């Protein structure tokens, strides 16, 4: 079926991330009054833009790392992404009004499990090579310690870097730590804790405050509804909304 969409100025566009975060926020989206068709929430869908229950709102599916870029550039007015992406790119064009509290994990430093090194020793090394898909976060973290880290920028399979001699350390997103352990690594320091956030383009918020405000109110209402349900009570990270 061919879909015809009006220009973005006629509809608000919400950018949703593919993968883990989308799974975590799907219940919220389904109860927000802005639910897309079921195929939007399926991993094997090749379509990227979808209409929703609200005829004035569309959603697009993009890579989690690209959500912030779409919103910052104005391609989408609203988005949902992890705090790790926001910290990595640090776009001034983005306002972050709601912390969903879902998809909780952390950005951590890890190294080979058999090594005795501790974080206190890093500053004495002549060179600290770190493999990561977060070069900005990693560089800033080590800079605050007076360490000039050499960044090996990878987009995946970060855990392979130490065993193949690309780096001594890695900086990556960690949930349970099982992937680290399976690849002979151990977590040695946490850089930041991460949850999913609702983000807004600042210009869109200024030019369309009522429309944007309505969407944010729907997200907050859905959060309030979910906070008393059994499914979210069983979730270890309390869902919350920031002022």
Foldseek 3Di string as FASTA:
>chain_A
DDDDDDDCVQAAEEEEAPDDQLVFCVLLLVQLQFAWPPLCSDNPDPDFKTGGSDNRYIYGYDHQLCRVVCCQVVVHFKYKHKVLSCQLVVRPQKDFFWFFQTPKWFKFKKFFQVDPDAPVCQVVDPAFEEEECRVRLVCVVVVVVVHRHHYDHDDDPRLCCRVVVNGGMYIYIGHPCPVQVVSRMDTRGTSGMMGMTMMGGNVCCVVPVVVVVSSVVSSVVSLVVCQPDPVQVPPPGRTDTHD
